[in-house]
Amino acid sequence: MDKEGRRIYDWVALSFVDGLGKISYRTLIRKFGSPGRVFQASIKDLEGVEGLRPKVIKGIKGFNQAARVENELALMRKHQVTLVT
């Protein structure tokens, strides 16, 4: 996967984290700068994000929905959808 593909993958993946709502999503992006950096963050750093529940932290650190993300990316390519971030 090239750099741009990985960037898009990370944006979609973060949106699939169980229990992560719009406000926490935005808070994480503001704090860490990108979805990739959110996934790279330590548990301790994630615990320092105000309002982020343990379930969401567990969902980020144990993210296991790669097949779902790949399916979404395939649909995006099929329908020529561009991700706007």
PDB file of N, CA and C in Angstrom:
ATOM      1  N   MET A   1       0.863  -1.169   0.000  1.00  0.00           N
ATOM      2  CA  MET A   1       0.000   0.000   0.000  1.00  0.00           C
ATOM      3  C   MET A   1       0.914   1.239   0.000  1.00  0.00           C
ATOM      4  N   ASP A   2       0.626   2.166  -0.892  1.00  0.00           N
ATOM      5  CA  ASP A   2       1.428   3.387  -0.933  1.00  0.00           C
ATOM      6  C   ASP A   2       1.021   4.334   0.195  1.00  0.00           C
ATOM      7  N   LYS A   3       1.766   5.419   0.331  1.00  0.00           N
ATOM      8  CA  LYS A   3       1.550   6.352   1.445  1.00  0.00           C
ATOM      9  C   LYS A   3       0.135   6.939   1.435  1.00  0.00           C
ATOM     10  N   GLU A   4      -0.345   7.337   0.267  1.00  0.00           N
ATOM     11  CA  GLU A   4      -1.695   7.912   0.173  1.00  0.00           C
ATOM     12  C   GLU A   4      -2.757   6.860   0.479  1.00  0.00           C
ATOM     13  N   GLY A   5      -2.544   5.649  -0.003  1.00  0.00           N
ATOM     14  CA  GLY A   5      -3.475   4.564   0.294  1.00  0.00           C
ATOM     15  C   GLY A   5      -3.544   4.276   1.781  1.00  0.00           C
ATOM     16  N   ARG A   6      -2.390   4.322   2.435  1.00  0.00           N
ATOM     17  CA  ARG A   6      -2.353   4.089   3.885  1.00  0.00           C
ATOM     18  C   ARG A   6      -3.076   5.203   4.635  1.00  0.00           C
ATOM     19  N   ARG A   7      -2.894   6.439   4.165  1.00  0.00           N
ATOM     20  CA  ARG A   7      -3.553   7.578   4.796  1.00  0.00           C
ATOM     21  C   ARG A   7      -5.072   7.420   4.718  1.00  0.00           C
ATOM     22  N   ILE A   8      -5.575   7.059   3.551  1.00  0.00           N
ATOM     23  CA  ILE A   8      -7.019   6.868   3.373  1.00  0.00           C
ATOM     24  C   ILE A   8      -7.499   5.691   4.215  1.00  0.00           C
ATOM     25  N   TYR A   9      -6.732   4.607   4.217  1.00  0.00           N
ATOM     26  CA  TYR A   9      -7.071   3.441   5.034  1.00  0.00           C
ATOM     27  C   TYR A   9      -7.254   3.857   6.497  1.00  0.00           C
ATOM     28  N   ASP A  10      -6.306   4.629   7.008  1.00  0.00           N
ATOM     29  CA  ASP A  10      -6.363   5.036   8.417  1.00  0.00           C
ATOM     30  C   ASP A  10      -7.585   5.896   8.721  1.00  0.00           C
ATOM     31  N   TRP A  11      -7.937   6.800   7.812  1.00  0.00           N
ATOM     32  CA  TRP A  11      -9.130   7.637   8.027  1.00  0.00           C
ATOM     33  C   TRP A  11     -10.387   6.767   8.116  1.00  0.00           C
ATOM     34  N   VAL A  12     -10.503   5.817   7.182  1.00  0.00           N
ATOM     35  CA  VAL A  12     -11.675   4.934   7.190  1.00  0.00           C
ATOM     36  C   VAL A  12     -11.646   4.035   8.429  1.00  0.00           C
ATOM     37  N   ALA A  13     -10.481   3.489   8.741  1.00  0.00           N
ATOM     38  CA  ALA A  13     -10.365   2.592   9.892  1.00  0.00           C
ATOM     39  C   ALA A  13     -10.784   3.290  11.179  1.00  0.00           C
ATOM     40  N   LEU A  14     -10.321   4.511  11.381  1.00  0.00           N
ATOM     41  CA  LEU A  14     -10.675   5.218  12.613  1.00  0.00           C
ATOM     42  C   LEU A  14     -12.188   5.420  12.704  1.00  0.00           C
ATOM     43  N   SER A  15     -12.820   5.627  11.568  1.00  0.00           N
ATOM     44  CA  SER A  15     -14.276   5.822  11.596  1.00  0.00           C
ATOM     45  C   SER A  15     -15.021   4.539  11.975  1.00  0.00           C
ATOM     46  N   PHE A  16     -14.350   3.387  11.879  1.00  0.00           N
ATOM     47  CA  PHE A  16     -14.968   2.104  12.214  1.00  0.00           C
ATOM     48  C   PHE A  16     -14.675   1.630  13.636  1.00  0.00           C
ATOM     49  N   VAL A  17     -13.963   2.419  14.417  1.00  0.00           N
ATOM     50  CA  VAL A  17     -13.672   2.017  15.803  1.00  0.00           C
ATOM     51  C   VAL A  17     -14.976   2.037  16.597  1.00  0.00           C
ATOM     52  N   ASP A  18     -15.299   0.907  17.204  1.00  0.00           N
ATOM     53  CA  ASP A  18     -16.539   0.789  17.974  1.00  0.00           C
ATOM     54  C   ASP A  18     -16.600   1.820  19.100  1.00  0.00           C
ATOM     55  N   GLY A  19     -17.715   2.523  19.173  1.00  0.00           N
ATOM     56  CA  GLY A  19     -17.954   3.465  20.257  1.00  0.00           C
ATOM     57  C   GLY A  19     -17.364   4.846  20.048  1.00  0.00           C
ATOM     58  N   LEU A  20     -16.633   5.046  18.954  1.00  0.00           N
ATOM     59  CA  LEU A  20     -16.007   6.344  18.709  1.00  0.00           C
ATOM     60  C   LEU A  20     -16.988   7.253  17.975  1.00  0.00           C
ATOM     61  N   GLY A  21     -17.423   8.306  18.660  1.00  0.00           N
ATOM     62  CA  GLY A  21     -18.364   9.252  18.069  1.00  0.00           C
ATOM     63  C   GLY A  21     -17.660  10.405  17.399  1.00  0.00           C
ATOM     64  N   LYS A  22     -18.452  11.289  16.813  1.00  0.00           N
ATOM     65  CA  LYS A  22     -17.914  12.416  16.058  1.00  0.00           C
ATOM     66  C   LYS A  22     -17.049  13.350  16.902  1.00  0.00           C
ATOM     67  N   ILE A  23     -17.489  13.619  18.114  1.00  0.00           N
ATOM     68  CA  ILE A  23     -16.744  14.558  18.956  1.00  0.00           C
ATOM     69  C   ILE A  23     -15.387  13.969  19.346  1.00  0.00           C
ATOM     70  N   SER A  24     -15.375  12.720  19.784  1.00  0.00           N
ATOM     71  CA  SER A  24     -14.107  12.085  20.161  1.00  0.00           C
ATOM     72  C   SER A  24     -13.208  11.904  18.946  1.00  0.00           C
ATOM     73  N   TYR A  25     -13.792  11.600  17.800  1.00  0.00           N
ATOM     74  CA  TYR A  25     -13.017  11.466  16.553  1.00  0.00           C
ATOM     75  C   TYR A  25     -12.278  12.772  16.278  1.00  0.00           C
ATOM     76  N   ARG A  26     -13.020  13.854  16.328  1.00  0.00           N
ATOM     77  CA  ARG A  26     -12.437  15.181  16.068  1.00  0.00           C
ATOM     78  C   ARG A  26     -11.384  15.530  17.118  1.00  0.00           C
ATOM     79  N   THR A  27     -11.659  15.210  18.374  1.00  0.00           N
ATOM     80  CA  THR A  27     -10.703  15.470  19.452  1.00  0.00           C
ATOM     81  C   THR A  27      -9.398  14.714  19.214  1.00  0.00           C
ATOM     82  N   LEU A  28      -9.498  13.451  18.821  1.00  0.00           N
ATOM     83  CA  LEU A  28      -8.308  12.654  18.551  1.00  0.00           C
ATOM     84  C   LEU A  28      -7.483  13.224  17.400  1.00  0.00           C
ATOM     85  N   ILE A  29      -8.156  13.647  16.341  1.00  0.00           N
ATOM     86  CA  ILE A  29      -7.442  14.217  15.189  1.00  0.00           C
ATOM     87  C   ILE A  29      -6.746  15.510  15.598  1.00  0.00           C
ATOM     88  N   ARG A  30      -7.423  16.320  16.372  1.00  0.00           N
ATOM     89  CA  ARG A  30      -6.796  17.574  16.834  1.00  0.00           C
ATOM     90  C   ARG A  30      -5.578  17.302  17.708  1.00  0.00           C
ATOM     91  N   LYS A  31      -5.685  16.315  18.578  1.00  0.00           N
ATOM     92  CA  LYS A  31      -4.588  16.023  19.509  1.00  0.00           C
ATOM     93  C   LYS A  31      -3.402  15.359  18.809  1.00  0.00           C
ATOM     94  N   PHE A  32      -3.670  14.383  17.950  1.00  0.00           N
ATOM     95  CA  PHE A  32      -2.589  13.585  17.365  1.00  0.00           C
ATOM     96  C   PHE A  32      -2.237  13.984  15.929  1.00  0.00           C
ATOM     97  N   GLY A  33      -3.108  14.724  15.247  1.00  0.00           N
ATOM     98  CA  GLY A  33      -2.781  15.227  13.923  1.00  0.00           C
ATOM     99  C   GLY A  33      -3.252  14.389  12.761  1.00  0.00           C
ATOM    100  N   SER A  34      -3.425  13.096  12.957  1.00  0.00           N
ATOM    101  CA  SER A  34      -3.884  12.223  11.871  1.00  0.00           C
ATOM    102  C   SER A  34      -4.368  10.900  12.458  1.00  0.00           C
ATOM    103  N   PRO A  35      -5.200  10.186  11.715  1.00  0.00           N
ATOM    104  CA  PRO A  35      -5.636   8.873  12.200  1.00  0.00           C
ATOM    105  C   PRO A  35      -4.468   7.903  12.389  1.00  0.00           C
ATOM    106  N   GLY A  36      -3.485   7.972  11.510  1.00  0.00           N
ATOM    107  CA  GLY A  36      -2.327   7.092  11.661  1.00  0.00           C
ATOM    108  C   GLY A  36      -1.633   7.304  12.991  1.00  0.00           C
ATOM    109  N   ARG A  37      -1.509   8.541  13.384  1.00  0.00           N
ATOM    110  CA  ARG A  37      -0.874   8.844  14.669  1.00  0.00           C
ATOM    111  C   ARG A  37      -1.753   8.433  15.840  1.00  0.00           C
ATOM    112  N   VAL A  38      -3.067   8.454  15.646  1.00  0.00           N
ATOM    113  CA  VAL A  38      -3.974   7.968  16.698  1.00  0.00           C
ATOM    114  C   VAL A  38      -3.701   6.485  16.934  1.00  0.00           C
ATOM    115  N   PHE A  39      -3.606   5.716  15.846  1.00  0.00           N
ATOM    116  CA  PHE A  39      -3.355   4.280  15.983  1.00  0.00           C
ATOM    117  C   PHE A  39      -1.968   3.997  16.557  1.00  0.00           C
ATOM    118  N   GLN A  40      -1.023   4.878  16.346  1.00  0.00           N
ATOM    119  CA  GLN A  40       0.336   4.707  16.872  1.00  0.00           C
ATOM    120  C   GLN A  40       0.471   5.175  18.325  1.00  0.00           C
ATOM    121  N   ALA A  41      -0.487   5.932  18.801  1.00  0.00           N
ATOM    122  CA  ALA A  41      -0.410   6.492  20.159  1.00  0.00           C
ATOM    123  C   ALA A  41      -0.380   5.383  21.200  1.00  0.00           C
ATOM    124  N   SER A  42       0.290   5.671  22.287  1.00  0.00           N
ATOM    125  CA  SER A  42       0.335   4.705  23.393  1.00  0.00           C
ATOM    126  C   SER A  42      -0.997   4.718  24.139  1.00  0.00           C
ATOM    127  N   ILE A  43      -1.225   3.669  24.881  1.00  0.00           N
ATOM    128  CA  ILE A  43      -2.424   3.607  25.719  1.00  0.00           C
ATOM    129  C   ILE A  43      -2.421   4.787  26.687  1.00  0.00           C
ATOM    130  N   LYS A  44      -1.274   5.072  27.258  1.00  0.00           N
ATOM    131  CA  LYS A  44      -1.162   6.185  28.204  1.00  0.00           C
ATOM    132  C   LYS A  44      -1.558   7.507  27.545  1.00  0.00           C
ATOM    133  N   ASP A  45      -1.085   7.739  26.315  1.00  0.00           N
ATOM    134  CA  ASP A  45      -1.457   8.975  25.612  1.00  0.00           C
ATOM    135  C   ASP A  45      -2.951   9.022  25.323  1.00  0.00           C
ATOM    136  N   LEU A  46      -3.521   7.892  24.935  1.00  0.00           N
ATOM    137  CA  LEU A  46      -4.959   7.842  24.663  1.00  0.00           C
ATOM    138  C   LEU A  46      -5.763   8.056  25.941  1.00  0.00           C
ATOM    139  N   GLU A  47      -5.282   7.511  27.048  1.00  0.00           N
ATOM    140  CA  GLU A  47      -5.965   7.705  28.327  1.00  0.00           C
ATOM    141  C   GLU A  47      -5.957   9.172  28.745  1.00  0.00           C
ATOM    142  N   GLY A  48      -5.021   9.933  28.228  1.00  0.00           N
ATOM    143  CA  GLY A  48      -4.949  11.355  28.533  1.00  0.00           C
ATOM    144  C   GLY A  48      -5.903  12.218  27.741  1.00  0.00           C
ATOM    145  N   VAL A  49      -6.646  11.611  26.817  1.00  0.00           N
ATOM    146  CA  VAL A  49      -7.618  12.358  26.017  1.00  0.00           C
ATOM    147  C   VAL A  49      -8.921  12.438  26.802  1.00  0.00           C
ATOM    148  N   GLU A  50      -9.293  13.647  27.144  1.00  0.00           N
ATOM    149  CA  GLU A  50     -10.500  13.859  27.951  1.00  0.00           C
ATOM    150  C   GLU A  50     -11.733  13.294  27.262  1.00  0.00           C
ATOM    151  N   GLY A  51     -12.487  12.510  28.005  1.00  0.00           N
ATOM    152  CA  GLY A  51     -13.748  11.968  27.514  1.00  0.00           C
ATOM    153  C   GLY A  51     -13.634  10.681  26.716  1.00  0.00           C
ATOM    154  N   LEU A  52     -12.419  10.210  26.477  1.00  0.00           N
ATOM    155  CA  LEU A  52     -12.240   8.983  25.698  1.00  0.00           C
ATOM    156  C   LEU A  52     -12.419   7.777  26.623  1.00  0.00           C
ATOM    157  N   ARG A  53     -13.432   6.985  26.333  1.00  0.00           N
ATOM    158  CA  ARG A  53     -13.772   5.845  27.195  1.00  0.00           C
ATOM    159  C   ARG A  53     -12.800   4.672  26.989  1.00  0.00           C
ATOM    160  N   PRO A  54     -12.610   3.864  28.019  1.00  0.00           N
ATOM    161  CA  PRO A  54     -11.726   2.696  27.905  1.00  0.00           C
ATOM    162  C   PRO A  54     -12.101   1.768  26.747  1.00  0.00           C
ATOM    163  N   LYS A  55     -13.393   1.625  26.477  1.00  0.00           N
ATOM    164  CA  LYS A  55     -13.837   0.770  25.371  1.00  0.00           C
ATOM    165  C   LYS A  55     -13.286   1.277  24.043  1.00  0.00           C
ATOM    166  N   VAL A  56     -13.265   2.578  23.870  1.00  0.00           N
ATOM    167  CA  VAL A  56     -12.764   3.163  22.623  1.00  0.00           C
ATOM    168  C   VAL A  56     -11.253   2.983  22.527  1.00  0.00           C
ATOM    169  N   ILE A  57     -10.564   3.190  23.626  1.00  0.00           N
ATOM    170  CA  ILE A  57      -9.111   2.981  23.634  1.00  0.00           C
ATOM    171  C   ILE A  57      -8.787   1.535  23.254  1.00  0.00           C
ATOM    172  N   LYS A  58      -9.533   0.610  23.824  1.00  0.00           N
ATOM    173  CA  LYS A  58      -9.344  -0.804  23.497  1.00  0.00           C
ATOM    174  C   LYS A  58      -9.622  -1.050  22.008  1.00  0.00           C
ATOM    175  N   GLY A  59     -10.652  -0.385  21.469  1.00  0.00           N
ATOM    176  CA  GLY A  59     -10.982  -0.531  20.051  1.00  0.00           C
ATOM    177  C   GLY A  59      -9.903   0.023  19.132  1.00  0.00           C
ATOM    178  N   ILE A  60      -9.250   1.086  19.566  1.00  0.00           N
ATOM    179  CA  ILE A  60      -8.162   1.668  18.776  1.00  0.00           C
ATOM    180  C   ILE A  60      -6.942   0.759  18.822  1.00  0.00           C
ATOM    181  N   LYS A  61      -6.537   0.370  20.013  1.00  0.00           N
ATOM    182  CA  LYS A  61      -5.314  -0.418  20.167  1.00  0.00           C
ATOM    183  C   LYS A  61      -5.466  -1.847  19.653  1.00  0.00           C
ATOM    184  N   GLY A  62      -6.680  -2.370  19.678  1.00  0.00           N
ATOM    185  CA  GLY A  62      -6.909  -3.738  19.222  1.00  0.00           C
ATOM    186  C   GLY A  62      -7.686  -3.793  17.920  1.00  0.00           C
ATOM    187  N   PHE A  63      -7.555  -2.741  17.108  1.00  0.00           N
ATOM    188  CA  PHE A  63      -8.369  -2.651  15.891  1.00  0.00           C
ATOM    189  C   PHE A  63      -8.220  -3.919  15.054  1.00  0.00           C
ATOM    190  N   ASN A  64      -9.345  -4.544  14.741  1.00  0.00           N
ATOM    191  CA  ASN A  64      -9.322  -5.814  14.002  1.00  0.00           C
ATOM    192  C   ASN A  64     -10.389  -5.869  12.911  1.00  0.00           C
ATOM    193  N   GLN A  65     -10.661  -4.730  12.308  1.00  0.00           N
ATOM    194  CA  GLN A  65     -11.687  -4.695  11.274  1.00  0.00           C
ATOM    195  C   GLN A  65     -11.086  -4.396   9.898  1.00  0.00           C
ATOM    196  N   ALA A  66      -9.894  -4.935   9.653  1.00  0.00           N
ATOM    197  CA  ALA A  66      -9.202  -4.680   8.392  1.00  0.00           C
ATOM    198  C   ALA A  66     -10.050  -5.102   7.186  1.00  0.00           C
ATOM    199  N   ALA A  67     -10.713  -6.230   7.288  1.00  0.00           N
ATOM    200  CA  ALA A  67     -11.531  -6.710   6.170  1.00  0.00           C
ATOM    201  C   ALA A  67     -12.656  -5.721   5.863  1.00  0.00           C
ATOM    202  N   ARG A  68     -13.251  -5.177   6.896  1.00  0.00           N
ATOM    203  CA  ARG A  68     -14.321  -4.186   6.717  1.00  0.00           C
ATOM    204  C   ARG A  68     -13.782  -2.925   6.029  1.00  0.00           C
ATOM    205  N   VAL A  69     -12.598  -2.488   6.450  1.00  0.00           N
ATOM    206  CA  VAL A  69     -11.983  -1.310   5.841  1.00  0.00           C
ATOM    207  C   VAL A  69     -11.670  -1.593   4.378  1.00  0.00           C
ATOM    208  N   GLU A  70     -11.070  -2.748   4.097  1.00  0.00           N
ATOM    209  CA  GLU A  70     -10.739  -3.106   2.708  1.00  0.00           C
ATOM    210  C   GLU A  70     -11.985  -3.163   1.842  1.00  0.00           C
ATOM    211  N   ASN A  71     -13.080  -3.685   2.385  1.00  0.00           N
ATOM    212  CA  ASN A  71     -14.342  -3.730   1.647  1.00  0.00           C
ATOM    213  C   ASN A  71     -14.831  -2.320   1.330  1.00  0.00           C
ATOM    214  N   GLU A  72     -14.751  -1.435   2.308  1.00  0.00           N
ATOM    215  CA  GLU A  72     -15.177  -0.048   2.105  1.00  0.00           C
ATOM    216  C   GLU A  72     -14.313   0.640   1.053  1.00  0.00           C
ATOM    217  N   LEU A  73     -13.010   0.406   1.108  1.00  0.00           N
ATOM    218  CA  LEU A  73     -12.107   1.002   0.121  1.00  0.00           C
ATOM    219  C   LEU A  73     -12.390   0.467  -1.283  1.00  0.00           C
ATOM    220  N   ALA A  74     -12.715  -0.822  -1.393  1.00  0.00           N
ATOM    221  CA  ALA A  74     -13.062  -1.409  -2.688  1.00  0.00           C
ATOM    222  C   ALA A  74     -14.334  -0.768  -3.241  1.00  0.00           C
ATOM    223  N   LEU A  75     -15.312  -0.547  -2.365  1.00  0.00           N
ATOM    224  CA  LEU A  75     -16.546   0.126  -2.801  1.00  0.00           C
ATOM    225  C   LEU A  75     -16.265   1.561  -3.242  1.00  0.00           C
ATOM    226  N   MET A  76     -15.381   2.231  -2.539  1.00  0.00           N
ATOM    227  CA  MET A  76     -15.017   3.602  -2.907  1.00  0.00           C
ATOM    228  C   MET A  76     -14.380   3.626  -4.299  1.00  0.00           C
ATOM    229  N   ARG A  77     -13.472   2.684  -4.551  1.00  0.00           N
ATOM    230  CA  ARG A  77     -12.826   2.624  -5.877  1.00  0.00           C
ATOM    231  C   ARG A  77     -13.853   2.295  -6.957  1.00  0.00           C
ATOM    232  N   LYS A  78     -14.705   1.325  -6.680  1.00  0.00           N
ATOM    233  CA  LYS A  78     -15.715   0.892  -7.655  1.00  0.00           C
ATOM    234  C   LYS A  78     -16.617   2.043  -8.063  1.00  0.00           C
ATOM    235  N   HIS A  79     -17.001   2.860  -7.102  1.00  0.00           N
ATOM    236  CA  HIS A  79     -17.934   3.945  -7.356  1.00  0.00           C
ATOM    237  C   HIS A  79     -17.225   5.299  -7.509  1.00  0.00           C
ATOM    238  N   GLN A  80     -15.913   5.243  -7.637  1.00  0.00           N
ATOM    239  CA  GLN A  80     -15.085   6.428  -7.865  1.00  0.00           C
ATOM    240  C   GLN A  80     -15.353   7.527  -6.818  1.00  0.00           C
ATOM    241  N   VAL A  81     -15.377   7.092  -5.565  1.00  0.00           N
ATOM    242  CA  VAL A  81     -15.597   8.007  -4.450  1.00  0.00           C
ATOM    243  C   VAL A  81     -14.239   8.488  -3.945  1.00  0.00           C
ATOM    244  N   THR A  82     -14.144   9.783  -3.709  1.00  0.00           N
ATOM    245  CA  THR A  82     -12.944  10.365  -3.163  1.00  0.00           C
ATOM    246  C   THR A  82     -13.206  10.737  -1.713  1.00  0.00           C
ATOM    247  N   LEU A  83     -12.280  10.361  -0.847  1.00  0.00           N
ATOM    248  CA  LEU A  83     -12.405  10.686   0.569  1.00  0.00           C
ATOM    249  C   LEU A  83     -11.989  12.130   0.791  1.00  0.00           C
ATOM    250  N   VAL A  84     -12.835  12.891   1.450  1.00  0.00           N
ATOM    251  CA  VAL A  84     -12.517  14.272   1.801  1.00  0.00           C
ATOM    252  C   VAL A  84     -12.240  14.307   3.292  1.00  0.00           C
ATOM    253  N   THR A  85     -11.079  14.820   3.674  1.00  0.00           N
ATOM    254  CA  THR A  85     -10.710  14.849   5.087  1.00  0.00           C
ATOM    255  C   THR A  85     -10.636  16.269   5.597  1.00  0.00           C
TER     256      THR A  85
END
